[in-house]
Amino acid sequence: MKPSKVKPEQKIRIHGRIAIFIRRYPAEAGRPAINVIRVPDYAGLSGPNDDGSCQISDYDFSRKVTEF
């Protein structure tokens, strides 16, 4: 799935887990593009304020993410 086709707050599936797409930061000044997703299963792993947000590159996103 292409990261540019996903809309904010859309549910996606990554490695069998349900996630919510938050935002895509496009590439600029030599920095690669970054996609921010929230996986509810990961919430609280790093402490009580952890909401389960993760960053994923465009490369990994296109190969590991499928539609929900």
Protein backbone atom coordinates (compact mmCIF):
# COMPACT_ATOMS: atom_id res chain seq x y z
CA MET A 1 0.00 0.00 0.00
CA LYS A 2 1.37 3.42 -0.90
CA PRO A 3 1.68 5.87 2.01
CA SER A 4 0.33 8.70 -0.15
CA LYS A 5 -3.01 6.85 -0.56
CA VAL A 6 -3.76 6.70 3.18
CA LYS A 7 -5.76 9.42 4.90
CA PRO A 8 -5.26 10.55 8.52
CA GLU A 9 -7.24 8.52 11.09
CA GLN A 10 -7.66 5.64 8.60
CA LYS A 11 -7.34 2.14 10.04
CA ILE A 12 -4.60 -0.03 8.56
CA ARG A 13 -3.13 -3.45 9.28
CA ILE A 14 0.58 -4.03 9.94
CA HIS A 15 1.89 -7.52 10.76
CA GLY A 16 -1.64 -8.64 11.66
CA ARG A 17 -2.20 -5.79 14.13
CA ILE A 18 -4.70 -3.01 13.67
CA ALA A 19 -3.17 0.47 13.61
CA ILE A 20 -4.34 4.02 12.93
CA PHE A 21 -2.48 6.21 10.44
CA ILE A 22 -1.76 9.60 12.04
CA ARG A 23 0.37 11.66 9.68
CA ARG A 24 3.00 11.59 6.93
CA TYR A 25 5.96 13.95 7.03
CA PRO A 26 7.32 14.30 3.47
CA ALA A 27 11.02 14.13 2.68
CA GLU A 28 12.92 17.40 2.83
CA ALA A 29 16.55 18.54 2.88
CA GLY A 30 17.93 15.00 2.56
CA ARG A 31 15.76 13.57 5.33
CA PRO A 32 13.60 10.60 4.27
CA ALA A 33 9.82 10.70 4.57
CA ILE A 34 8.36 9.48 7.87
CA ASN A 35 4.91 8.07 8.59
CA VAL A 36 3.46 8.16 12.10
CA ILE A 37 1.05 5.40 13.11
CA ARG A 38 -0.60 4.49 16.40
CA VAL A 39 -0.88 0.84 17.42
CA PRO A 40 -3.27 0.45 20.39
CA ASP A 41 -1.59 -2.87 21.34
CA TYR A 42 1.66 -0.96 21.98
CA ALA A 43 0.09 1.67 24.26
CA GLY A 44 1.61 1.78 27.72
CA LEU A 45 4.71 -0.31 26.94
CA SER A 46 7.11 2.56 27.70
CA GLY A 47 5.11 4.02 30.56
CA PRO A 48 1.67 5.38 31.40
CA ASN A 49 1.96 8.31 28.96
CA ASP A 50 2.84 6.12 25.96
CA ASP A 51 -0.03 6.20 23.43
CA GLY A 52 1.44 3.54 21.12
CA SER A 53 2.72 5.91 18.42
CA CYS A 54 5.45 4.61 16.10
CA GLN A 55 7.39 5.94 13.12
CA ILE A 56 7.76 3.92 9.94
CA SER A 57 9.60 4.72 6.71
CA ASP A 58 7.91 4.85 3.30
CA TYR A 59 9.83 1.73 2.28
CA ASP A 60 8.57 -0.34 5.21
CA PHE A 61 5.09 1.17 4.97
CA SER A 62 4.69 0.15 1.33
CA ARG A 63 5.74 -3.44 2.03
CA LYS A 64 4.28 -4.19 5.46
CA VAL A 65 0.99 -2.25 5.60
CA THR A 66 -2.29 -3.46 4.11
CA GLU A 67 -5.80 -2.04 4.17
CA PHE A 68 -8.02 -2.87 7.08
